[in-house]
Amino acid sequence: MRPESRGGSRRPSGRPAPSGHAARAGGSGRGARTSGGPLANLPVDPRSFVARFRVPLIVAAVVLVTVVALYGPAKDCYAAWRHNGALQEEQAQGSGEQAELQGDVDALMTEEGIRDEARRRGYVDEGETGVVVKGLSEDPEASESETTTDERPWYLGIGDFIFQYSGE
């Protein structure tokens, strides 16, 4: 008599086929997921999780790799953009100073401008008496306390933090 014809089906290994609860769970009757590995106590099978969220995981991985790959060039671009802005501000300040100095030169080219500058330096005309007042500040704006405030826009603060820009 062949083993298949007897009362239960036999496997090639000689053991009977699993039956009952263990057979439905896909185990061998000894509790396949109850002992061992770090994933034994998880309520969800990791393979089914990956299969369920395959497309979002692939999209997230592609986005992450893209962000990491583009961070260096974006950081360099941001630093160049900020440096260019600082140079333009410096140029505007220099142009303003140059225009102010040109105005002073133009004022000194007139007779009245020469007399005003001579009086400022302490010279007097014939018949005039010079008076020196001590204790006053030359520049009335210099007496005000100067406080340095961060006047940059909010988005530059965020960009400086993200790209670690120090302004050098």
N, C-alpha and C. Protein backbone atom coordinates (compact mmCIF):
# COMPACT_ATOMS: atom_id res chain seq x y z
N MET A 1 0.81 -1.17 0.00
CA MET A 1 0.00 0.00 0.00
C MET A 1 0.87 1.24 0.00
N ARG A 2 0.41 2.21 -0.72
CA ARG A 2 1.18 3.44 -0.84
C ARG A 2 0.82 4.38 0.29
N PRO A 3 1.72 5.25 0.66
CA PRO A 3 1.45 6.15 1.79
C PRO A 3 0.27 7.09 1.53
N GLU A 4 -0.01 7.45 0.29
CA GLU A 4 -1.11 8.37 0.00
C GLU A 4 -2.46 7.72 0.23
N SER A 5 -2.52 6.44 0.11
CA SER A 5 -3.81 5.77 0.23
C SER A 5 -4.19 5.53 1.67
N ARG A 6 -3.29 5.64 2.59
CA ARG A 6 -3.65 5.46 3.99
C ARG A 6 -4.42 6.65 4.50
N GLY A 7 -4.84 6.65 5.72
CA GLY A 7 -5.69 7.63 6.34
C GLY A 7 -5.19 9.06 6.34
N GLY A 8 -4.62 9.78 6.02
CA GLY A 8 -4.12 11.14 5.93
C GLY A 8 -3.03 11.24 4.91
N SER A 9 -2.89 12.32 4.41
CA SER A 9 -1.86 12.52 3.38
C SER A 9 -0.53 12.73 4.07
N ARG A 10 0.48 12.18 3.48
CA ARG A 10 1.81 12.32 4.04
C ARG A 10 2.66 13.19 3.14
N ARG A 11 3.54 13.89 3.76
CA ARG A 11 4.50 14.71 3.02
C ARG A 11 5.70 13.86 2.67
N PRO A 12 6.50 14.31 1.73
CA PRO A 12 7.68 13.53 1.36
C PRO A 12 8.62 13.32 2.53
N SER A 13 8.59 14.17 3.52
CA SER A 13 9.52 14.02 4.63
C SER A 13 9.07 12.95 5.60
N GLY A 14 7.85 12.47 5.44
CA GLY A 14 7.38 11.44 6.31
C GLY A 14 6.52 11.99 7.43
N ARG A 15 6.39 13.28 7.57
CA ARG A 15 5.56 13.86 8.62
C ARG A 15 4.17 14.11 8.07
N PRO A 16 3.15 14.04 8.91
CA PRO A 16 1.80 14.31 8.43
C PRO A 16 1.62 15.78 8.12
N ALA A 17 0.68 16.10 7.24
CA ALA A 17 0.39 17.49 6.88
C ALA A 17 -0.21 18.20 8.08
N PRO A 18 0.12 19.49 8.26
CA PRO A 18 -0.42 20.23 9.40
C PRO A 18 -1.93 20.39 9.27
N SER A 19 -2.58 20.43 10.41
CA SER A 19 -4.02 20.63 10.41
C SER A 19 -4.40 21.57 11.54
N GLY A 20 -5.60 22.11 11.47
CA GLY A 20 -6.08 22.98 12.54
C GLY A 20 -5.56 24.40 12.42
N HIS A 21 -5.42 25.06 13.57
CA HIS A 21 -5.06 26.48 13.63
C HIS A 21 -3.65 26.72 13.08
N ALA A 22 -2.75 25.87 13.37
CA ALA A 22 -1.37 26.05 12.91
C ALA A 22 -1.30 25.97 11.40
N ALA A 23 -2.15 25.15 10.78
CA ALA A 23 -2.13 25.03 9.33
C ALA A 23 -2.68 26.29 8.68
N ARG A 24 -3.67 26.89 9.26
CA ARG A 24 -4.23 28.13 8.69
C ARG A 24 -3.27 29.29 8.83
N ALA A 25 -2.51 29.34 9.90
CA ALA A 25 -1.56 30.43 10.12
C ALA A 25 -0.33 30.27 9.26
N GLY A 26 -0.19 29.14 8.63
CA GLY A 26 0.95 28.94 7.77
C GLY A 26 2.17 28.47 8.53
N GLY A 27 2.03 28.08 9.74
CA GLY A 27 3.16 27.66 10.54
C GLY A 27 3.27 26.17 10.57
N SER A 28 4.18 25.66 11.33
CA SER A 28 4.40 24.23 11.41
C SER A 28 3.79 23.65 12.68
N GLY A 29 2.95 24.42 13.36
CA GLY A 29 2.34 23.93 14.57
C GLY A 29 3.13 24.32 15.80
N ARG A 30 4.31 24.86 15.65
CA ARG A 30 5.14 25.26 16.78
C ARG A 30 5.10 26.76 17.03
N GLY A 31 4.24 27.52 16.35
CA GLY A 31 4.17 28.98 16.52
C GLY A 31 5.28 29.67 15.77
N ALA A 32 5.12 29.86 14.50
CA ALA A 32 6.17 30.39 13.64
C ALA A 32 6.58 31.80 14.03
N ARG A 33 5.66 32.63 14.50
CA ARG A 33 5.99 34.02 14.81
C ARG A 33 6.07 34.29 16.30
N THR A 34 5.98 33.35 17.11
CA THR A 34 5.96 33.60 18.55
C THR A 34 7.33 33.63 19.16
N SER A 35 8.31 33.10 18.54
CA SER A 35 9.63 33.11 19.13
C SER A 35 10.64 33.62 18.13
N GLY A 36 11.72 34.11 18.64
CA GLY A 36 12.81 34.49 17.76
C GLY A 36 12.78 35.95 17.39
N GLY A 37 13.03 36.28 16.19
CA GLY A 37 13.34 37.56 15.57
C GLY A 37 12.74 38.82 16.17
N PRO A 38 13.31 39.93 15.78
CA PRO A 38 12.86 41.23 16.29
C PRO A 38 11.49 41.62 15.76
N LEU A 39 11.02 41.01 14.71
CA LEU A 39 9.73 41.36 14.13
C LEU A 39 8.61 40.47 14.63
N ALA A 40 8.89 39.64 15.63
CA ALA A 40 7.92 38.66 16.08
C ALA A 40 6.69 39.30 16.71
N ASN A 41 6.83 40.39 17.40
CA ASN A 41 5.71 40.98 18.13
C ASN A 41 5.04 42.13 17.39
N LEU A 42 5.39 42.39 16.16
CA LEU A 42 4.77 43.46 15.41
C LEU A 42 3.34 43.08 15.02
N PRO A 43 2.39 44.03 15.13
CA PRO A 43 1.02 43.71 14.76
C PRO A 43 0.83 43.61 13.25
N VAL A 44 1.71 44.22 12.47
CA VAL A 44 1.60 44.21 11.02
C VAL A 44 2.84 43.55 10.44
N ASP A 45 2.64 42.73 9.48
CA ASP A 45 3.75 42.09 8.81
C ASP A 45 4.51 43.13 7.99
N PRO A 46 5.82 43.29 8.18
CA PRO A 46 6.58 44.32 7.45
C PRO A 46 6.50 44.15 5.94
N ARG A 47 6.43 42.91 5.48
CA ARG A 47 6.36 42.71 4.04
C ARG A 47 5.04 43.23 3.48
N SER A 48 3.95 43.05 4.22
CA SER A 48 2.67 43.57 3.73
C SER A 48 2.65 45.10 3.80
N PHE A 49 3.34 45.68 4.79
CA PHE A 49 3.43 47.14 4.90
C PHE A 49 4.16 47.71 3.69
N VAL A 50 5.28 47.12 3.33
CA VAL A 50 6.05 47.58 2.18
C VAL A 50 5.24 47.39 0.90
N ALA A 51 4.56 46.27 0.78
CA ALA A 51 3.75 46.03 -0.42
C ALA A 51 2.60 47.02 -0.51
N ARG A 52 2.05 47.37 0.62
CA ARG A 52 0.90 48.28 0.65
C ARG A 52 1.31 49.71 0.29
N PHE A 53 2.46 50.15 0.77
CA PHE A 53 2.91 51.53 0.57
C PHE A 53 4.12 51.60 -0.34
N ARG A 54 4.20 50.76 -1.34
CA ARG A 54 5.35 50.70 -2.23
C ARG A 54 5.56 52.02 -2.98
N VAL A 55 4.53 52.54 -3.61
CA VAL A 55 4.68 53.76 -4.42
C VAL A 55 5.04 54.96 -3.54
N PRO A 56 4.33 55.22 -2.41
CA PRO A 56 4.75 56.36 -1.57
C PRO A 56 6.16 56.22 -1.03
N LEU A 57 6.58 55.00 -0.70
CA LEU A 57 7.95 54.81 -0.21
C LEU A 57 8.97 55.08 -1.30
N ILE A 58 8.68 54.66 -2.51
CA ILE A 58 9.60 54.93 -3.63
C ILE A 58 9.67 56.43 -3.89
N VAL A 59 8.53 57.11 -3.89
CA VAL A 59 8.51 58.57 -4.11
C VAL A 59 9.28 59.27 -3.00
N ALA A 60 9.07 58.87 -1.74
CA ALA A 60 9.79 59.48 -0.63
C ALA A 60 11.29 59.25 -0.75
N ALA A 61 11.70 58.06 -1.16
CA ALA A 61 13.12 57.77 -1.33
C ALA A 61 13.72 58.61 -2.45
N VAL A 62 13.01 58.76 -3.56
CA VAL A 62 13.51 59.57 -4.67
C VAL A 62 13.63 61.04 -4.26
N VAL A 63 12.63 61.54 -3.53
CA VAL A 63 12.67 62.93 -3.07
C VAL A 63 13.84 63.12 -2.11
N LEU A 64 14.03 62.20 -1.19
CA LEU A 64 15.13 62.30 -0.24
C LEU A 64 16.49 62.29 -0.93
N VAL A 65 16.67 61.39 -1.88
CA VAL A 65 17.94 61.33 -2.62
C VAL A 65 18.15 62.61 -3.42
N THR A 66 17.09 63.15 -4.02
CA THR A 66 17.20 64.39 -4.79
C THR A 66 17.59 65.56 -3.89
N VAL A 67 16.96 65.67 -2.73
CA VAL A 67 17.28 66.76 -1.81
C VAL A 67 18.73 66.66 -1.34
N VAL A 68 19.16 65.47 -1.00
CA VAL A 68 20.55 65.29 -0.55
C VAL A 68 21.53 65.60 -1.67
N ALA A 69 21.21 65.19 -2.88
CA ALA A 69 22.11 65.42 -4.02
C ALA A 69 22.19 66.90 -4.39
N LEU A 70 21.10 67.63 -4.23
CA LEU A 70 21.08 69.04 -4.63
C LEU A 70 21.44 70.01 -3.52
N TYR A 71 21.65 69.54 -2.30
CA TYR A 71 21.95 70.44 -1.19
C TYR A 71 23.25 71.20 -1.41
N GLY A 72 24.30 70.54 -1.83
CA GLY A 72 25.60 71.21 -2.04
C GLY A 72 25.53 72.31 -3.08
N PRO A 73 25.02 72.02 -4.28
CA PRO A 73 24.90 73.09 -5.28
C PRO A 73 23.96 74.22 -4.84
N ALA A 74 22.87 73.87 -4.15
CA ALA A 74 21.94 74.90 -3.68
C ALA A 74 22.60 75.77 -2.62
N LYS A 75 23.42 75.17 -1.76
CA LYS A 75 24.14 75.93 -0.74
C LYS A 75 25.12 76.91 -1.39
N ASP A 76 25.85 76.45 -2.39
CA ASP A 76 26.78 77.33 -3.10
C ASP A 76 26.04 78.46 -3.82
N CYS A 77 24.93 78.15 -4.44
CA CYS A 77 24.14 79.16 -5.14
C CYS A 77 23.61 80.20 -4.16
N TYR A 78 23.12 79.75 -3.00
CA TYR A 78 22.60 80.67 -1.99
C TYR A 78 23.72 81.58 -1.46
N ALA A 79 24.89 81.00 -1.20
CA ALA A 79 26.01 81.81 -0.70
C ALA A 79 26.43 82.85 -1.73
N ALA A 80 26.45 82.48 -3.01
CA ALA A 80 26.81 83.43 -4.07
C ALA A 80 25.76 84.54 -4.18
N TRP A 81 24.48 84.16 -4.06
CA TRP A 81 23.41 85.15 -4.12
C TRP A 81 23.49 86.14 -2.97
N ARG A 82 23.76 85.63 -1.74
CA ARG A 82 23.88 86.51 -0.58
C ARG A 82 25.12 87.41 -0.70
N HIS A 83 26.22 86.85 -1.19
CA HIS A 83 27.45 87.63 -1.35
C HIS A 83 27.24 88.73 -2.39
N ASN A 84 26.54 88.41 -3.47
CA ASN A 84 26.24 89.40 -4.50
C ASN A 84 25.39 90.53 -3.91
N GLY A 85 24.41 90.19 -3.08
CA GLY A 85 23.58 91.21 -2.44
C GLY A 85 24.40 92.12 -1.54
N ALA A 86 25.34 91.54 -0.80
CA ALA A 86 26.21 92.34 0.07
C ALA A 86 27.09 93.27 -0.75
N LEU A 87 27.60 92.78 -1.87
CA LEU A 87 28.44 93.63 -2.74
C LEU A 87 27.62 94.76 -3.36
N GLN A 88 26.39 94.48 -3.75
CA GLN A 88 25.55 95.54 -4.31
C GLN A 88 25.22 96.60 -3.26
N GLU A 89 24.99 96.16 -2.02
CA GLU A 89 24.73 97.12 -0.94
C GLU A 89 25.97 97.99 -0.69
N GLU A 90 27.14 97.36 -0.71
CA GLU A 90 28.40 98.09 -0.54
C GLU A 90 28.61 99.11 -1.67
N GLN A 91 28.28 98.69 -2.89
CA GLN A 91 28.42 99.58 -4.03
C GLN A 91 27.46 100.76 -3.91
N ALA A 92 26.24 100.52 -3.48
CA ALA A 92 25.27 101.60 -3.31
C ALA A 92 25.73 102.58 -2.23
N GLN A 93 26.29 102.04 -1.14
CA GLN A 93 26.81 102.89 -0.09
C GLN A 93 27.99 103.73 -0.59
N GLY A 94 28.89 103.11 -1.36
CA GLY A 94 30.03 103.85 -1.92
C GLY A 94 29.57 104.91 -2.91
N SER A 95 28.55 104.61 -3.69
CA SER A 95 28.03 105.61 -4.63
C SER A 95 27.41 106.78 -3.89
N GLY A 96 26.73 106.49 -2.77
CA GLY A 96 26.15 107.57 -1.96
C GLY A 96 27.23 108.45 -1.35
N GLU A 97 28.29 107.83 -0.84
CA GLU A 97 29.41 108.60 -0.28
C GLU A 97 30.09 109.43 -1.36
N GLN A 98 30.24 108.85 -2.54
CA GLN A 98 30.87 109.56 -3.64
C GLN A 98 30.03 110.77 -4.06
N ALA A 99 28.71 110.60 -4.09
CA ALA A 99 27.83 111.72 -4.44
C ALA A 99 27.89 112.81 -3.38
N GLU A 100 27.99 112.41 -2.10
CA GLU A 100 28.10 113.39 -1.01
C GLU A 100 29.41 114.18 -1.12
N LEU A 101 30.50 113.47 -1.39
CA LEU A 101 31.80 114.14 -1.54
C LEU A 101 31.81 115.06 -2.77
N GLN A 102 31.17 114.63 -3.84
CA GLN A 102 31.10 115.48 -5.03
C GLN A 102 30.30 116.75 -4.72
N GLY A 103 29.26 116.62 -3.90
CA GLY A 103 28.50 117.80 -3.48
C GLY A 103 29.36 118.74 -2.65
N ASP A 104 30.20 118.17 -1.77
CA ASP A 104 31.11 119.00 -0.97
C ASP A 104 32.11 119.72 -1.87
N VAL A 105 32.64 119.03 -2.85
CA VAL A 105 33.61 119.65 -3.78
C VAL A 105 32.93 120.78 -4.56
N ASP A 106 31.71 120.52 -5.03
CA ASP A 106 30.99 121.56 -5.78
C ASP A 106 30.72 122.77 -4.90
N ALA A 107 30.41 122.55 -3.61
CA ALA A 107 30.16 123.67 -2.69
C ALA A 107 31.45 124.45 -2.43
N LEU A 108 32.58 123.76 -2.35
CA LEU A 108 33.85 124.44 -2.11
C LEU A 108 34.36 125.18 -3.34
N MET A 109 33.81 124.96 -4.47
CA MET A 109 34.24 125.64 -5.68
C MET A 109 33.63 127.05 -5.79
N THR A 110 32.73 127.40 -4.89
CA THR A 110 32.13 128.74 -4.90
C THR A 110 32.78 129.60 -3.83
N GLU A 111 32.67 130.90 -3.97
CA GLU A 111 33.25 131.84 -3.01
C GLU A 111 32.62 131.66 -1.62
N GLU A 112 31.31 131.50 -1.59
CA GLU A 112 30.62 131.34 -0.31
C GLU A 112 31.02 130.03 0.37
N GLY A 113 31.20 128.96 -0.39
CA GLY A 113 31.61 127.67 0.16
C GLY A 113 32.99 127.73 0.77
N ILE A 114 33.89 128.46 0.11
CA ILE A 114 35.26 128.60 0.64
C ILE A 114 35.22 129.33 1.97
N ARG A 115 34.42 130.42 2.06
CA ARG A 115 34.32 131.18 3.32
C ARG A 115 33.71 130.32 4.44
N ASP A 116 32.69 129.54 4.13
CA ASP A 116 32.08 128.69 5.16
C ASP A 116 33.07 127.66 5.69
N GLU A 117 33.84 127.05 4.82
CA GLU A 117 34.83 126.06 5.24
C GLU A 117 35.93 126.71 6.06
N ALA A 118 36.36 127.92 5.68
CA ALA A 118 37.38 128.63 6.44
C ALA A 118 36.87 128.95 7.84
N ARG A 119 35.61 129.37 7.97
CA ARG A 119 35.04 129.66 9.30
C ARG A 119 34.95 128.37 10.13
N ARG A 120 34.58 127.29 9.51
CA ARG A 120 34.49 126.01 10.23
C ARG A 120 35.85 125.59 10.77
N ARG A 121 36.91 125.96 10.07
CA ARG A 121 38.26 125.61 10.51
C ARG A 121 38.86 126.66 11.46
N GLY A 122 38.13 127.71 11.75
CA GLY A 122 38.59 128.68 12.74
C GLY A 122 39.13 129.98 12.18
N TYR A 123 39.12 130.17 10.88
CA TYR A 123 39.59 131.41 10.29
C TYR A 123 38.47 132.45 10.33
N VAL A 124 38.87 133.73 10.44
CA VAL A 124 37.88 134.81 10.45
C VAL A 124 38.29 135.88 9.45
N ASP A 125 37.31 136.66 8.98
CA ASP A 125 37.58 137.78 8.08
C ASP A 125 38.11 138.97 8.88
N GLU A 126 38.57 139.98 8.15
CA GLU A 126 39.04 141.19 8.80
C GLU A 126 37.87 141.86 9.52
N GLY A 127 38.11 142.25 10.76
CA GLY A 127 37.09 142.92 11.55
C GLY A 127 36.19 141.96 12.33
N GLU A 128 36.35 140.66 12.16
CA GLU A 128 35.54 139.69 12.90
C GLU A 128 36.36 139.13 14.06
N THR A 129 35.68 138.68 15.10
CA THR A 129 36.34 138.07 16.25
C THR A 129 35.93 136.61 16.31
N GLY A 130 36.91 135.77 16.48
CA GLY A 130 36.64 134.33 16.54
C GLY A 130 36.24 133.90 17.95
N VAL A 131 35.27 133.02 18.06
CA VAL A 131 34.81 132.49 19.34
C VAL A 131 34.84 130.95 19.23
N VAL A 132 35.39 130.32 20.26
CA VAL A 132 35.47 128.87 20.29
C VAL A 132 34.57 128.37 21.42
N VAL A 133 33.64 127.51 21.10
CA VAL A 133 32.74 126.93 22.09
C VAL A 133 33.18 125.49 22.30
N LYS A 134 33.46 125.13 23.57
CA LYS A 134 33.92 123.79 23.89
C LYS A 134 32.81 123.03 24.60
N GLY A 135 32.85 121.74 24.46
CA GLY A 135 31.90 120.88 25.16
C GLY A 135 30.74 120.40 24.30
N LEU A 136 30.60 120.94 23.13
CA LEU A 136 29.53 120.50 22.24
C LEU A 136 30.07 119.47 21.26
N SER A 137 29.22 118.60 20.89
CA SER A 137 29.60 117.58 19.92
C SER A 137 29.57 118.17 18.52
N GLU A 138 30.49 117.74 17.69
CA GLU A 138 30.52 118.19 16.29
C GLU A 138 29.31 117.68 15.53
N ASP A 139 28.97 116.41 15.76
CA ASP A 139 27.89 115.76 15.03
C ASP A 139 26.73 115.51 15.99
N PRO A 140 25.57 116.15 15.79
CA PRO A 140 24.47 115.95 16.72
C PRO A 140 23.91 114.52 16.69
N GLU A 141 24.07 113.82 15.59
CA GLU A 141 23.58 112.45 15.50
C GLU A 141 24.49 111.47 16.22
N ALA A 142 25.74 111.84 16.47
CA ALA A 142 26.69 110.94 17.12
C ALA A 142 26.34 110.74 18.59
N SER A 143 25.63 111.67 19.19
CA SER A 143 25.31 111.56 20.61
C SER A 143 24.23 110.51 20.85
N GLU A 144 23.43 110.20 19.85
CA GLU A 144 22.40 109.19 20.01
C GLU A 144 23.05 107.82 20.11
N SER A 145 22.50 107.00 20.97
CA SER A 145 23.08 105.66 21.13
C SER A 145 22.72 104.83 19.91
N GLU A 146 23.74 104.19 19.36
CA GLU A 146 23.53 103.37 18.19
C GLU A 146 23.32 101.93 18.63
N THR A 147 22.22 101.36 18.21
CA THR A 147 21.96 99.96 18.50
C THR A 147 21.95 99.21 17.19
N THR A 148 22.55 98.07 17.21
CA THR A 148 22.57 97.25 15.99
C THR A 148 21.39 96.29 16.05
N THR A 149 20.57 96.37 15.05
CA THR A 149 19.43 95.46 14.95
C THR A 149 19.56 94.66 13.68
N ASP A 150 19.04 93.46 13.73
CA ASP A 150 19.06 92.60 12.56
C ASP A 150 17.91 93.03 11.65
N GLU A 151 18.23 93.69 10.55
CA GLU A 151 17.22 94.23 9.66
C GLU A 151 16.97 93.35 8.44
N ARG A 152 17.47 92.15 8.44
CA ARG A 152 17.27 91.30 7.28
C ARG A 152 15.87 90.68 7.33
N PRO A 153 15.29 90.40 6.19
CA PRO A 153 13.94 89.79 6.16
C PRO A 153 13.94 88.39 6.75
N TRP A 154 12.77 87.92 7.12
CA TRP A 154 12.62 86.62 7.77
C TRP A 154 13.11 85.47 6.89
N TYR A 155 12.88 85.58 5.58
CA TYR A 155 13.25 84.48 4.70
C TYR A 155 14.76 84.34 4.57
N LEU A 156 15.49 85.44 4.74
CA LEU A 156 16.95 85.34 4.72
C LEU A 156 17.45 84.65 5.99
N GLY A 157 16.79 84.89 7.10
CA GLY A 157 17.16 84.20 8.33
C GLY A 157 16.97 82.70 8.21
N ILE A 158 15.87 82.29 7.59
CA ILE A 158 15.61 80.86 7.40
C ILE A 158 16.63 80.26 6.43
N GLY A 159 16.88 80.98 5.32
CA GLY A 159 17.87 80.49 4.35
C GLY A 159 19.26 80.40 4.94
N ASP A 160 19.63 81.42 5.76
CA ASP A 160 20.94 81.38 6.41
C ASP A 160 21.06 80.18 7.33
N PHE A 161 19.97 79.86 8.04
CA PHE A 161 20.00 78.71 8.94
C PHE A 161 20.11 77.40 8.15
N ILE A 162 19.30 77.25 7.12
CA ILE A 162 19.28 76.00 6.35
C ILE A 162 20.62 75.77 5.66
N PHE A 163 21.18 76.82 5.05
CA PHE A 163 22.41 76.67 4.29
C PHE A 163 23.65 77.05 5.08
N GLN A 164 23.50 77.32 6.38
CA GLN A 164 24.63 77.64 7.27
C GLN A 164 25.47 78.78 6.72
N TYR A 165 24.81 79.87 6.28
CA TYR A 165 25.52 81.02 5.73
C TYR A 165 25.93 81.94 6.86
N SER A 166 27.19 82.31 6.91
CA SER A 166 27.68 83.16 7.99
C SER A 166 28.02 84.57 7.51
N GLY A 167 27.92 84.85 6.24
CA GLY A 167 28.17 86.19 5.73
C GLY A 167 29.61 86.47 5.41
N GLU A 168 30.41 85.48 5.29
CA GLU A 168 31.83 85.69 5.01
C GLU A 168 32.13 85.58 3.55
